[in-house]
C-alpha cells in the first residue's frame, strides 16, 4: 500500500519500501500473539467463566485498535499487532468452547465450525477493504481498515449482555441454581431442564474422577 510505505518505509530508488525484517515482524506479530493468547486463555475461562472472559476480550479489542489506528511508527504498530494477537488468540479458544457448551447437541458441530467460517470471512472482508483503500494517498488508506474493527465491537457489545453463562462452567463451580437458569434460557419448552442439568452434573463428576492426578505430561504419553 503506497500510503503505508510512505509513512513507515524508507526511500529507495523512486519510492519507499518496508525492510524485509519489519515486513516479517509485522506479518508474524499477530500470529505470535495469538499463540500466546490461545495458550493462556484457558486459565481465565476456568477462573472467571466464559462470558466474563469473552466480555473483557471484546473491550480489550476495542481499546487495542486505538494503538493500530494511531500508530505512526513501526515499533508502535508492532506492539499493537502483538497485543491484538493476544486477544484474538483468546477468541480462538473461547468461541468454540462456549459454542459447544451452549448449543443443542444437533447444532453443536455447526456452531463450532461456524467459528472458523467467521475467521476466514473476516480475512476476506479485510482484504477487500484494503484493496478498496489502497489508492488513497493519506493515512486513511490503512487507518480505515484498522478502524473498521470497531464496527464489530459495536455489534457485539450490546448483544453480549444477553448471552447466558455456560451451564457447564456453572456446574463445575457448584452453582447449580444458576446453571439451571442458564439452561432454561438456552432450551425450548420441550426440553427437560432437570434431566439436562443432571446429565451435566454426572458428566462433570465422571470427568473429574478421570482427571484426578493427571498432568500436562500425560498429553504426550
Protein backbone atom coordinates (compact mmCIF):
# COMPACT_ATOMS: atom_id res chain seq x y z
CA UNK A 1 0.00 0.00 0.00
CA UNK A 2 1.77 3.21 -1.17
CA UNK A 3 0.50 5.39 1.69
CA UNK A 4 1.68 2.81 4.23
CA UNK A 5 5.08 2.58 2.56
CA UNK A 6 5.44 6.37 2.56
CA UNK A 7 4.60 6.56 6.28
CA UNK A 8 6.58 3.62 7.61
CA UNK A 9 9.19 2.87 4.94
CA UNK A 10 12.45 4.41 3.77
CA UNK A 11 13.33 6.00 0.45
CA UNK A 12 14.55 3.56 -2.18
CA UNK A 13 15.02 4.48 -5.85
CA UNK A 14 11.72 6.04 -6.99
CA UNK A 15 9.62 5.29 -3.92
CA UNK A 16 9.52 3.93 -0.39
CA UNK A 17 9.80 0.36 0.87
CA UNK A 18 9.45 -1.50 4.17
CA UNK A 19 12.53 -3.53 5.10
CA UNK A 20 12.25 -7.32 4.97
CA UNK A 21 12.86 -7.56 8.71
CA UNK A 22 9.95 -5.26 9.52
CA UNK A 23 7.69 -6.94 6.97
CA UNK A 24 8.36 -10.24 8.73
CA UNK A 25 7.88 -8.70 12.16
CA UNK A 26 4.55 -7.09 11.27
CA UNK A 27 3.38 -10.22 9.49
CA UNK A 28 4.27 -12.52 12.39
CA UNK A 29 3.41 -10.18 15.27
CA UNK A 30 -0.27 -11.02 15.28
CA UNK A 31 0.14 -14.84 14.88
CA UNK A 32 2.74 -14.94 17.66
CA UNK A 33 0.37 -13.04 19.91
CA UNK A 34 -2.42 -15.48 19.00
CA UNK A 35 -0.33 -18.48 20.03
CA UNK A 36 0.40 -16.97 23.44
CA UNK A 37 -3.18 -15.78 23.89
CA UNK A 38 -4.61 -19.18 22.97
CA UNK A 39 -2.33 -20.96 25.45
CA UNK A 40 -3.17 -18.52 28.24
CA UNK A 41 -6.93 -18.18 27.63
CA UNK A 42 -7.85 -21.42 29.37
CA UNK A 43 -6.97 -20.07 32.81
CA UNK A 44 -9.29 -17.02 32.98
CA UNK A 45 -12.01 -19.09 31.29
CA UNK A 46 -11.93 -21.51 34.22
CA UNK A 47 -11.41 -18.85 36.91
CA UNK A 48 -13.98 -16.26 35.81
CA UNK A 49 -16.18 -18.05 33.28
CA UNK A 50 -16.61 -17.95 29.52
CA UNK A 51 -18.88 -14.91 29.46
CA UNK A 52 -16.75 -12.60 31.61
CA UNK A 53 -13.57 -13.60 29.78
CA UNK A 54 -15.23 -13.00 26.43
CA UNK A 55 -16.58 -9.61 27.52
CA UNK A 56 -13.15 -8.47 28.69
CA UNK A 57 -11.63 -9.58 25.38
CA UNK A 58 -14.19 -7.62 23.36
CA UNK A 59 -13.46 -4.42 25.30
CA UNK A 60 -9.73 -5.15 25.01
CA UNK A 61 -10.05 -5.33 21.22
CA UNK A 62 -11.90 -2.01 21.19
CA UNK A 63 -9.07 -0.44 23.17
CA UNK A 64 -6.15 -2.04 21.34
CA UNK A 65 -7.44 -0.90 17.95
CA UNK A 66 -6.51 2.61 19.09
CA UNK A 67 -2.84 1.57 19.06
CA UNK A 68 -3.08 0.33 15.49
CA UNK A 69 -5.19 3.29 14.37
CA UNK A 70 -2.92 5.98 15.78
CA UNK A 71 0.42 4.22 15.22
CA UNK A 72 2.83 6.35 13.20
CA UNK A 73 5.95 4.26 13.75
CA UNK A 74 6.78 0.62 13.14
CA UNK A 75 7.59 -0.27 16.78
CA UNK A 76 4.24 1.11 17.98
CA UNK A 77 2.39 -0.71 15.21
CA UNK A 78 4.20 -3.96 16.04
CA UNK A 79 3.22 -3.58 19.70
CA UNK A 80 -0.39 -3.09 18.63
CA UNK A 81 -0.25 -6.21 16.44
CA UNK A 82 1.23 -8.34 19.23
CA UNK A 83 -1.28 -7.17 21.85
CA UNK A 84 -4.22 -7.55 19.47
CA UNK A 85 -2.97 -11.04 18.65
CA UNK A 86 -3.14 -12.00 22.33
CA UNK A 87 -6.85 -11.20 22.40
CA UNK A 88 -7.55 -12.87 19.05
CA UNK A 89 -5.82 -15.99 20.31
CA UNK A 90 -8.13 -15.98 23.31
CA UNK A 91 -11.14 -15.78 20.98
CA UNK A 92 -9.87 -18.86 19.15
CA UNK A 93 -10.23 -20.81 22.41
CA UNK A 94 -13.26 -19.12 23.97
CA UNK A 95 -15.58 -19.15 20.96
CA UNK A 96 -15.65 -22.89 20.15
CA UNK A 97 -15.65 -23.84 23.84
CA UNK A 98 -18.61 -21.56 24.60
CA UNK A 99 -20.43 -22.58 21.41
CA UNK A 100 -20.11 -26.27 22.22
CA UNK A 101 -21.41 -25.75 25.76
CA UNK A 102 -24.48 -23.65 24.96
CA UNK A 103 -25.58 -25.17 21.64
CA UNK A 104 -28.09 -28.03 21.38
CA UNK A 105 -26.41 -31.33 20.52
CA UNK A 106 -27.84 -31.29 17.00
CA UNK A 107 -26.30 -27.87 16.28
CA UNK A 108 -23.02 -28.32 18.15
CA UNK A 109 -20.94 -29.26 15.11
CA UNK A 110 -22.44 -26.42 13.08
CA UNK A 111 -21.87 -23.74 15.71
CA UNK A 112 -18.29 -24.77 16.48
CA UNK A 113 -17.29 -24.98 12.80
CA UNK A 114 -19.02 -21.64 12.16
CA UNK A 115 -16.33 -20.04 14.33
CA UNK A 116 -13.73 -20.96 11.70
CA UNK A 117 -16.01 -19.63 8.97
CA UNK A 118 -16.17 -16.29 10.80
CA UNK A 119 -12.38 -16.07 10.92
CA UNK A 120 -11.87 -16.68 7.21
CA UNK A 121 -14.80 -14.39 6.35
CA UNK A 122 -13.12 -11.65 8.36
CA UNK A 123 -9.89 -12.17 6.43
CA UNK A 124 -11.81 -11.99 3.16
CA UNK A 125 -13.53 -8.75 4.18
CA UNK A 126 -10.23 -7.30 5.40
CA UNK A 127 -8.54 -7.99 2.07
CA UNK A 128 -11.48 -6.49 0.24
CA UNK A 129 -11.34 -3.29 2.29
CA UNK A 130 -7.60 -2.85 1.83
CA UNK A 131 -7.99 -3.44 -1.91
CA UNK A 132 -10.57 -0.63 -1.97
CA UNK A 133 -8.49 1.85 0.07
CA UNK A 134 -5.02 1.16 -1.32
CA UNK A 135 -5.17 4.10 -3.73
CA UNK A 136 -5.88 6.70 -1.03
CA UNK A 137 -2.77 8.84 -0.61
CA UNK A 138 -3.28 9.83 3.04
CA UNK A 139 -3.00 7.74 6.20
CA UNK A 140 -6.67 6.82 5.80
CA UNK A 141 -5.58 4.19 3.29
CA UNK A 142 -4.54 1.95 6.18
CA UNK A 143 -6.39 3.69 9.03
CA UNK A 144 -9.80 2.85 7.58
CA UNK A 145 -9.14 -0.92 7.61
CA UNK A 146 -7.91 -0.66 11.20
CA UNK A 147 -10.90 1.43 12.29
CA UNK A 148 -13.46 -0.99 10.82
CA UNK A 149 -12.58 -3.39 13.64
CA UNK A 150 -14.59 -1.08 15.91
CA UNK A 151 -17.66 -1.83 13.79
CA UNK A 152 -17.74 -5.44 15.01
CA UNK A 153 -17.28 -4.33 18.61
CA UNK A 154 -20.30 -2.04 18.27
CA UNK A 155 -22.36 -5.01 17.05
CA UNK A 156 -21.14 -7.47 19.68
CA UNK A 157 -21.11 -5.30 22.83
CA UNK A 158 -24.89 -4.63 23.00
CA UNK A 159 -25.72 -8.28 22.37
CA UNK A 160 -23.24 -9.98 24.68
CA UNK A 161 -25.09 -8.84 27.81
CA UNK A 162 -27.97 -11.12 26.80
CA UNK A 163 -25.76 -14.20 26.38
CA UNK A 164 -26.04 -16.58 29.36
CA UNK A 165 -23.03 -18.07 31.10
CA UNK A 166 -22.10 -21.62 30.17
CA UNK A 167 -24.14 -24.05 32.30
CA UNK A 168 -21.22 -26.48 32.18
CA UNK A 169 -18.90 -23.93 33.80
CA UNK A 170 -21.55 -23.03 36.38
CA UNK A 171 -21.92 -26.70 37.34
CA UNK A 172 -18.15 -27.00 37.78
CA UNK A 173 -18.34 -24.03 40.15
CA UNK A 174 -21.10 -25.69 42.17
CA UNK A 175 -23.64 -23.03 41.11
CA UNK A 176 -26.43 -25.43 40.22
CA UNK A 177 -29.27 -22.90 40.51
CA UNK A 178 -27.53 -20.52 38.11
CA UNK A 179 -26.80 -23.43 35.77
CA UNK A 180 -30.49 -24.35 35.77
CA UNK A 181 -31.46 -20.75 34.94
CA UNK A 182 -28.92 -20.68 32.09
CA UNK A 183 -30.30 -23.95 30.71
CA UNK A 184 -33.83 -22.54 30.91
CA UNK A 185 -32.76 -19.57 28.77
CA UNK A 186 -30.98 -21.80 26.27
CA UNK A 187 -33.65 -24.50 25.93
CA UNK A 188 -37.10 -24.72 24.44
CA UNK A 189 -40.16 -25.65 26.46
CA UNK A 190 -39.92 -29.25 25.23
CA UNK A 191 -36.56 -29.80 26.96
CA UNK A 192 -36.50 -31.36 30.42
CA UNK A 193 -34.26 -28.86 32.26
CA UNK A 194 -33.84 -31.03 35.35
CA UNK A 195 -32.73 -34.01 33.28
CA UNK A 196 -30.29 -31.90 31.25
CA UNK A 197 -28.81 -30.47 34.44
CA UNK A 198 -28.46 -33.95 35.94
CA UNK A 199 -26.65 -35.12 32.82
CA UNK A 200 -24.19 -32.22 33.04
CA UNK A 201 -23.56 -32.88 36.74
CA UNK A 202 -22.97 -36.60 36.11
CA UNK A 203 -20.63 -35.91 33.17
CA UNK A 204 -18.68 -33.36 35.17
CA UNK A 205 -18.31 -35.78 38.08
CA UNK A 206 -17.06 -38.52 35.75
CA UNK A 207 -14.54 -36.18 34.10
CA UNK A 208 -13.22 -35.03 37.47
CA UNK A 209 -12.68 -38.64 38.51
CA UNK A 210 -10.86 -39.40 35.26
CA UNK A 211 -8.65 -36.30 35.53
CA UNK A 212 -7.56 -36.89 39.13
CA UNK A 213 -3.77 -36.92 39.31
CA UNK A 214 -3.29 -36.14 35.60
CA UNK A 215 -0.73 -33.58 34.39
CA UNK A 216 0.21 -31.89 31.13
CA UNK A 217 2.90 -34.55 30.73
CA UNK A 218 0.15 -37.12 30.21
CA UNK A 219 -0.82 -35.35 27.00
CA UNK A 220 2.43 -36.50 25.40
CA UNK A 221 2.39 -40.09 26.70
